[in-house]
Amino acid sequence: MTNDEKSVSPDEPDDETIEEPKFVLGNLPPPPEVHFHRPTMLVKEEKIIEQKRLSGSDPSAQAYKLGAGLAAAVLFGACIVTGLLIGGFLDSRFPKIDPWGLIIFTVLGFVSGLVNLFRLLGIKSDGKGQK
């Protein structure tokens, strides 16, 4: 064995110590910029699909209309029932306001149901009573 070659066993550590690199936050490169783009359909294709849906030639048009009507009915009914429940709870909790809690919150539930129904149907008012 020559002097240049050293026998190193796996159990014995080297005489030379290896320093681990120190990472300093200022020395790191900035993160890469990532841009996500949502895939969009062409405007022409969207118009064709909407025309099929409105004309009824699309097989899913009836299911779409049925689902929209069912959602509107459930939303309107849920608002009224919620008003009834809150009003009934307040009437039972505070006996001095016995009929008025139920009446007021039922009316509020009806109004909130109408507002949500108009939102669902896309009817907007500009404050002058026009659509």
N, C-alpha and C. Protein backbone atom coordinates (compact mmCIF):
# COMPACT_ATOMS: atom_id res chain seq x y z
N MET A 1 0.84 -1.16 0.00
CA MET A 1 0.00 0.00 0.00
C MET A 1 0.89 1.23 0.00
N THR A 2 0.56 2.19 -0.82
CA THR A 2 1.36 3.40 -0.90
C THR A 2 0.80 4.45 0.03
N ASN A 3 1.54 5.51 0.14
CA ASN A 3 1.12 6.58 1.03
C ASN A 3 -0.08 7.35 0.47
N ASP A 4 -0.21 7.33 -0.85
CA ASP A 4 -1.32 8.07 -1.47
C ASP A 4 -2.67 7.41 -1.20
N GLU A 5 -2.67 6.11 -1.06
CA GLU A 5 -3.92 5.39 -0.86
C GLU A 5 -4.14 5.17 0.63
N LYS A 6 -5.30 5.49 1.08
CA LYS A 6 -5.65 5.25 2.47
C LYS A 6 -6.76 4.21 2.49
N SER A 7 -6.68 3.36 3.46
CA SER A 7 -7.77 2.40 3.61
C SER A 7 -8.79 2.99 4.56
N VAL A 8 -10.01 3.11 4.08
CA VAL A 8 -11.08 3.70 4.86
C VAL A 8 -12.14 2.65 5.05
N SER A 9 -12.45 2.41 6.28
CA SER A 9 -13.53 1.47 6.54
C SER A 9 -14.82 2.27 6.71
N PRO A 10 -15.94 1.68 6.47
CA PRO A 10 -17.19 2.42 6.55
C PRO A 10 -17.52 2.87 7.97
N ASP A 11 -16.97 2.21 8.99
CA ASP A 11 -17.28 2.58 10.37
C ASP A 11 -16.46 3.75 10.88
N GLU A 12 -15.33 3.99 10.27
CA GLU A 12 -14.45 5.06 10.75
C GLU A 12 -14.75 6.35 10.00
N PRO A 13 -14.90 7.48 10.72
CA PRO A 13 -15.14 8.75 10.03
C PRO A 13 -13.85 9.27 9.39
N ASP A 14 -14.01 10.06 8.35
CA ASP A 14 -12.85 10.68 7.71
C ASP A 14 -12.26 11.73 8.63
N ASP A 15 -11.00 11.98 8.40
CA ASP A 15 -10.34 13.04 9.16
C ASP A 15 -10.86 14.41 8.71
N GLU A 16 -11.20 14.51 7.45
CA GLU A 16 -11.70 15.77 6.92
C GLU A 16 -13.21 15.85 7.18
N THR A 17 -13.65 16.95 7.73
CA THR A 17 -15.08 17.13 7.96
C THR A 17 -15.67 17.92 6.81
N ILE A 18 -16.86 17.52 6.41
CA ILE A 18 -17.54 18.20 5.31
C ILE A 18 -18.56 19.15 5.92
N GLU A 19 -18.43 20.41 5.58
CA GLU A 19 -19.37 21.40 6.10
C GLU A 19 -20.61 21.41 5.21
N GLU A 20 -21.78 21.42 5.86
CA GLU A 20 -23.01 21.52 5.11
C GLU A 20 -23.20 22.96 4.68
N PRO A 21 -23.73 23.17 3.50
CA PRO A 21 -23.92 24.55 3.05
C PRO A 21 -24.96 25.25 3.91
N LYS A 22 -24.70 26.49 4.20
CA LYS A 22 -25.63 27.29 4.99
C LYS A 22 -26.51 28.10 4.03
N PHE A 23 -27.80 27.95 4.22
CA PHE A 23 -28.74 28.67 3.37
C PHE A 23 -29.18 29.93 4.08
N VAL A 24 -28.98 31.01 3.40
CA VAL A 24 -29.40 32.30 3.92
C VAL A 24 -30.55 32.76 3.04
N LEU A 25 -31.58 33.29 3.67
CA LEU A 25 -32.79 33.64 2.93
C LEU A 25 -32.52 34.66 1.83
N GLY A 26 -31.57 35.54 2.04
CA GLY A 26 -31.27 36.55 1.04
C GLY A 26 -30.58 35.99 -0.18
N ASN A 27 -29.97 34.82 -0.07
CA ASN A 27 -29.23 34.24 -1.19
C ASN A 27 -30.10 33.36 -2.07
N LEU A 28 -31.33 33.10 -1.69
CA LEU A 28 -32.19 32.24 -2.49
C LEU A 28 -32.75 33.00 -3.68
N PRO A 29 -32.89 32.34 -4.79
CA PRO A 29 -33.49 33.01 -5.95
C PRO A 29 -34.99 33.18 -5.71
N PRO A 30 -35.61 34.16 -6.36
CA PRO A 30 -37.05 34.34 -6.19
C PRO A 30 -37.81 33.16 -6.79
N PRO A 31 -38.99 32.87 -6.27
CA PRO A 31 -39.76 31.75 -6.82
C PRO A 31 -40.21 32.06 -8.24
N PRO A 32 -40.37 31.05 -9.04
CA PRO A 32 -40.80 31.30 -10.42
C PRO A 32 -42.25 31.79 -10.44
N GLU A 33 -42.56 32.62 -11.41
CA GLU A 33 -43.92 33.11 -11.56
C GLU A 33 -44.74 32.07 -12.29
N VAL A 34 -45.89 31.76 -11.74
CA VAL A 34 -46.77 30.76 -12.32
C VAL A 34 -48.09 31.44 -12.63
N HIS A 35 -48.54 31.28 -13.84
CA HIS A 35 -49.81 31.86 -14.27
C HIS A 35 -50.74 30.73 -14.67
N PHE A 36 -51.90 30.69 -14.03
CA PHE A 36 -52.90 29.69 -14.36
C PHE A 36 -53.96 30.33 -15.22
N HIS A 37 -54.27 29.70 -16.31
CA HIS A 37 -55.31 30.19 -17.20
C HIS A 37 -56.43 29.17 -17.24
N ARG A 38 -57.64 29.65 -16.97
CA ARG A 38 -58.80 28.77 -17.02
C ARG A 38 -59.17 28.56 -18.48
N PRO A 39 -59.32 27.33 -18.89
CA PRO A 39 -59.68 27.12 -20.30
C PRO A 39 -61.09 27.65 -20.57
N THR A 40 -61.23 28.39 -21.63
CA THR A 40 -62.53 28.96 -21.97
C THR A 40 -62.96 28.46 -23.34
N MET A 41 -64.26 28.38 -23.51
CA MET A 41 -64.80 27.98 -24.80
C MET A 41 -64.90 29.20 -25.70
N LEU A 42 -64.97 28.96 -26.94
CA LEU A 42 -65.15 30.06 -27.88
C LEU A 42 -66.55 30.64 -27.71
N VAL A 43 -66.69 31.92 -27.95
CA VAL A 43 -67.96 32.60 -27.76
C VAL A 43 -69.01 32.02 -28.70
N LYS A 44 -68.61 31.66 -29.88
CA LYS A 44 -69.55 31.11 -30.85
C LYS A 44 -70.11 29.78 -30.36
N GLU A 45 -69.25 28.92 -29.81
CA GLU A 45 -69.71 27.64 -29.30
C GLU A 45 -70.63 27.82 -28.10
N GLU A 46 -70.34 28.80 -27.25
CA GLU A 46 -71.20 29.06 -26.10
C GLU A 46 -72.58 29.51 -26.55
N LYS A 47 -72.65 30.34 -27.58
CA LYS A 47 -73.94 30.80 -28.09
C LYS A 47 -74.74 29.64 -28.68
N ILE A 48 -74.07 28.73 -29.38
CA ILE A 48 -74.75 27.59 -29.96
C ILE A 48 -75.33 26.69 -28.87
N ILE A 49 -74.56 26.47 -27.84
CA ILE A 49 -75.03 25.62 -26.73
C ILE A 49 -76.20 26.29 -26.03
N GLU A 50 -76.14 27.60 -25.83
CA GLU A 50 -77.24 28.31 -25.17
C GLU A 50 -78.50 28.29 -26.03
N GLN A 51 -78.35 28.42 -27.36
CA GLN A 51 -79.51 28.37 -28.24
C GLN A 51 -80.15 26.98 -28.22
N LYS A 52 -79.33 25.94 -28.19
CA LYS A 52 -79.88 24.58 -28.10
C LYS A 52 -80.62 24.39 -26.79
N ARG A 53 -80.06 24.91 -25.72
CA ARG A 53 -80.68 24.74 -24.41
C ARG A 53 -82.02 25.47 -24.35
N LEU A 54 -82.09 26.69 -24.92
CA LEU A 54 -83.32 27.46 -24.87
C LEU A 54 -84.37 26.92 -25.83
N SER A 55 -83.96 26.38 -26.97
CA SER A 55 -84.92 25.89 -27.95
C SER A 55 -85.50 24.53 -27.56
N GLY A 56 -84.83 23.81 -26.69
CA GLY A 56 -85.33 22.51 -26.28
C GLY A 56 -84.78 21.36 -27.11
N SER A 57 -83.91 21.64 -28.09
CA SER A 57 -83.36 20.58 -28.91
C SER A 57 -82.24 19.83 -28.19
N ASP A 58 -81.72 20.42 -27.14
CA ASP A 58 -80.70 19.75 -26.34
C ASP A 58 -81.39 18.75 -25.42
N PRO A 59 -80.91 17.50 -25.38
CA PRO A 59 -81.59 16.50 -24.54
C PRO A 59 -81.59 16.85 -23.06
N SER A 60 -80.62 17.62 -22.62
CA SER A 60 -80.56 17.96 -21.21
C SER A 60 -81.31 19.25 -20.90
N ALA A 61 -81.99 19.84 -21.89
CA ALA A 61 -82.68 21.11 -21.67
C ALA A 61 -83.83 20.95 -20.70
N GLN A 62 -84.59 19.87 -20.84
CA GLN A 62 -85.72 19.67 -19.93
C GLN A 62 -85.23 19.44 -18.51
N ALA A 63 -84.17 18.68 -18.36
CA ALA A 63 -83.62 18.45 -17.03
C ALA A 63 -83.07 19.74 -16.44
N TYR A 64 -82.48 20.58 -17.28
CA TYR A 64 -81.95 21.87 -16.81
C TYR A 64 -83.09 22.76 -16.32
N LYS A 65 -84.17 22.82 -17.09
CA LYS A 65 -85.31 23.66 -16.70
C LYS A 65 -85.97 23.11 -15.43
N LEU A 66 -86.10 21.79 -15.35
CA LEU A 66 -86.69 21.18 -14.17
C LEU A 66 -85.84 21.45 -12.93
N GLY A 67 -84.52 21.35 -13.08
CA GLY A 67 -83.62 21.60 -11.95
C GLY A 67 -83.67 23.05 -11.51
N ALA A 68 -83.76 23.98 -12.45
CA ALA A 68 -83.83 25.40 -12.10
C ALA A 68 -85.15 25.71 -11.39
N GLY A 69 -86.24 25.13 -11.86
CA GLY A 69 -87.53 25.35 -11.21
C GLY A 69 -87.58 24.74 -9.83
N LEU A 70 -87.01 23.55 -9.69
CA LEU A 70 -86.99 22.91 -8.38
C LEU A 70 -86.13 23.69 -7.39
N ALA A 71 -85.00 24.21 -7.86
CA ALA A 71 -84.13 25.01 -6.99
C ALA A 71 -84.84 26.28 -6.55
N ALA A 72 -85.59 26.91 -7.45
CA ALA A 72 -86.31 28.13 -7.09
C ALA A 72 -87.39 27.83 -6.06
N ALA A 73 -88.13 26.73 -6.24
CA ALA A 73 -89.19 26.38 -5.30
C ALA A 73 -88.63 26.05 -3.92
N VAL A 74 -87.56 25.28 -3.89
CA VAL A 74 -86.97 24.90 -2.60
C VAL A 74 -86.39 26.12 -1.90
N LEU A 75 -85.75 26.99 -2.64
CA LEU A 75 -85.17 28.20 -2.05
C LEU A 75 -86.25 29.11 -1.46
N PHE A 76 -87.31 29.32 -2.20
CA PHE A 76 -88.40 30.17 -1.73
C PHE A 76 -89.07 29.57 -0.50
N GLY A 77 -89.34 28.29 -0.54
CA GLY A 77 -89.97 27.62 0.60
C GLY A 77 -89.08 27.60 1.83
N ALA A 78 -87.79 27.41 1.63
CA ALA A 78 -86.86 27.37 2.77
C ALA A 78 -86.77 28.72 3.46
N CYS A 79 -86.85 29.80 2.70
CA CYS A 79 -86.82 31.14 3.31
C CYS A 79 -88.05 31.37 4.18
N ILE A 80 -89.21 30.96 3.69
CA ILE A 80 -90.44 31.14 4.47
C ILE A 80 -90.43 30.27 5.72
N VAL A 81 -90.02 29.02 5.58
CA VAL A 81 -89.97 28.11 6.74
C VAL A 81 -88.96 28.61 7.77
N THR A 82 -87.84 29.15 7.32
CA THR A 82 -86.86 29.69 8.25
C THR A 82 -87.45 30.88 9.02
N GLY A 83 -88.17 31.75 8.33
CA GLY A 83 -88.84 32.86 9.02
C GLY A 83 -89.86 32.37 10.03
N LEU A 84 -90.62 31.33 9.67
CA LEU A 84 -91.59 30.75 10.61
C LEU A 84 -90.91 30.17 11.84
N LEU A 85 -89.82 29.46 11.63
CA LEU A 85 -89.11 28.85 12.76
C LEU A 85 -88.51 29.89 13.70
N ILE A 86 -87.90 30.91 13.13
CA ILE A 86 -87.31 31.96 13.98
C ILE A 86 -88.41 32.71 14.73
N GLY A 87 -89.50 33.05 14.03
CA GLY A 87 -90.61 33.75 14.69
C GLY A 87 -91.26 32.90 15.77
N GLY A 88 -91.45 31.61 15.51
CA GLY A 88 -92.02 30.72 16.52
C GLY A 88 -91.11 30.57 17.72
N PHE A 89 -89.82 30.50 17.49
CA PHE A 89 -88.87 30.40 18.60
C PHE A 89 -88.91 31.65 19.46
N LEU A 90 -88.92 32.81 18.81
CA LEU A 90 -88.95 34.06 19.58
C LEU A 90 -90.26 34.22 20.34
N ASP A 91 -91.38 33.77 19.76
CA ASP A 91 -92.66 33.85 20.47
C ASP A 91 -92.68 32.94 21.69
N SER A 92 -92.08 31.76 21.58
CA SER A 92 -92.06 30.87 22.73
C SER A 92 -91.05 31.34 23.78
N ARG A 93 -90.03 32.01 23.36
CA ARG A 93 -88.99 32.49 24.29
C ARG A 93 -89.43 33.75 25.02
N PHE A 94 -90.09 34.65 24.32
CA PHE A 94 -90.57 35.92 24.89
C PHE A 94 -92.09 35.97 24.74
N PRO A 95 -92.84 35.59 25.77
CA PRO A 95 -94.30 35.51 25.63
C PRO A 95 -94.99 36.87 25.43
N LYS A 96 -94.35 37.96 25.74
CA LYS A 96 -95.00 39.28 25.60
C LYS A 96 -95.19 39.66 24.13
N ILE A 97 -94.39 39.09 23.23
CA ILE A 97 -94.49 39.44 21.80
C ILE A 97 -95.16 38.32 21.02
N ASP A 98 -96.07 37.61 21.69
CA ASP A 98 -96.58 36.33 21.18
C ASP A 98 -96.97 36.30 19.71
N PRO A 99 -97.87 37.06 19.17
CA PRO A 99 -98.15 36.84 17.75
C PRO A 99 -97.21 37.60 16.82
N TRP A 100 -96.56 38.65 17.33
CA TRP A 100 -95.83 39.56 16.44
C TRP A 100 -94.51 38.98 15.96
N GLY A 101 -93.84 38.19 16.75
CA GLY A 101 -92.59 37.58 16.27
C GLY A 101 -92.84 36.67 15.09
N LEU A 102 -93.89 35.88 15.17
CA LEU A 102 -94.23 34.97 14.08
C LEU A 102 -94.65 35.74 12.83
N ILE A 103 -95.45 36.78 13.01
CA ILE A 103 -95.92 37.56 11.87
C ILE A 103 -94.76 38.29 11.19
N ILE A 104 -93.93 38.96 11.97
CA ILE A 104 -92.83 39.76 11.41
C ILE A 104 -91.81 38.87 10.69
N PHE A 105 -91.43 37.76 11.33
CA PHE A 105 -90.41 36.93 10.70
C PHE A 105 -90.96 36.11 9.54
N THR A 106 -92.25 35.83 9.52
CA THR A 106 -92.84 35.19 8.34
C THR A 106 -92.81 36.15 7.15
N VAL A 107 -93.15 37.42 7.40
CA VAL A 107 -93.10 38.42 6.32
C VAL A 107 -91.65 38.61 5.85
N LEU A 108 -90.70 38.66 6.81
CA LEU A 108 -89.29 38.79 6.42
C LEU A 108 -88.81 37.57 5.62
N GLY A 109 -89.27 36.39 6.00
CA GLY A 109 -88.92 35.18 5.24
C GLY A 109 -89.48 35.23 3.84
N PHE A 110 -90.73 35.73 3.69
CA PHE A 110 -91.34 35.85 2.38
C PHE A 110 -90.57 36.84 1.50
N VAL A 111 -90.21 37.99 2.09
CA VAL A 111 -89.46 39.01 1.34
C VAL A 111 -88.08 38.48 0.95
N SER A 112 -87.40 37.81 1.87
CA SER A 112 -86.08 37.27 1.52
C SER A 112 -86.20 36.17 0.47
N GLY A 113 -87.30 35.42 0.49
CA GLY A 113 -87.53 34.42 -0.56
C GLY A 113 -87.71 35.06 -1.92
N LEU A 114 -88.46 36.19 -1.95
CA LEU A 114 -88.63 36.90 -3.22
C LEU A 114 -87.31 37.47 -3.73
N VAL A 115 -86.53 38.03 -2.82
CA VAL A 115 -85.24 38.61 -3.22
C VAL A 115 -84.34 37.52 -3.80
N ASN A 116 -84.27 36.37 -3.12
CA ASN A 116 -83.44 35.27 -3.62
C ASN A 116 -83.98 34.70 -4.93
N LEU A 117 -85.29 34.70 -5.09
CA LEU A 117 -85.89 34.22 -6.33
C LEU A 117 -85.53 35.15 -7.49
N PHE A 118 -85.59 36.45 -7.24
CA PHE A 118 -85.22 37.40 -8.29
C PHE A 118 -83.74 37.28 -8.64
N ARG A 119 -82.90 37.05 -7.64
CA ARG A 119 -81.47 36.84 -7.92
C ARG A 119 -81.25 35.60 -8.77
N LEU A 120 -81.99 34.54 -8.44
CA LEU A 120 -81.84 33.29 -9.19
C LEU A 120 -82.30 33.45 -10.63
N LEU A 121 -83.36 34.21 -10.83
CA LEU A 121 -83.88 34.41 -12.18
C LEU A 121 -83.12 35.49 -12.95
N GLY A 122 -82.30 36.25 -12.27
CA GLY A 122 -81.50 37.27 -12.94
C GLY A 122 -82.22 38.58 -13.15
N ILE A 123 -83.28 38.83 -12.38
CA ILE A 123 -84.02 40.08 -12.50
C ILE A 123 -83.36 41.10 -11.59
N LYS A 124 -82.95 42.24 -12.18
CA LYS A 124 -82.29 43.28 -11.41
C LYS A 124 -83.10 44.56 -11.53
N SER A 125 -83.10 45.32 -10.46
CA SER A 125 -83.79 46.60 -10.46
C SER A 125 -82.76 47.70 -10.30
N ASP A 126 -82.93 48.78 -11.07
CA ASP A 126 -81.99 49.90 -10.97
C ASP A 126 -82.51 50.98 -10.01
N GLY A 127 -83.53 50.67 -9.23
CA GLY A 127 -84.06 51.63 -8.29
C GLY A 127 -85.27 52.40 -8.84
N LYS A 128 -85.54 52.29 -10.13
CA LYS A 128 -86.68 52.98 -10.74
C LYS A 128 -87.82 52.02 -11.03
N GLY A 129 -87.68 50.78 -10.61
CA GLY A 129 -88.74 49.81 -10.84
C GLY A 129 -88.65 49.11 -12.18
N GLN A 130 -87.56 49.31 -12.91
CA GLN A 130 -87.40 48.66 -14.21
C GLN A 130 -86.50 47.46 -14.08
N LYS A 131 -86.64 46.55 -15.03
CA LYS A 131 -85.77 45.35 -15.05
C LYS A 131 -84.39 45.69 -15.54
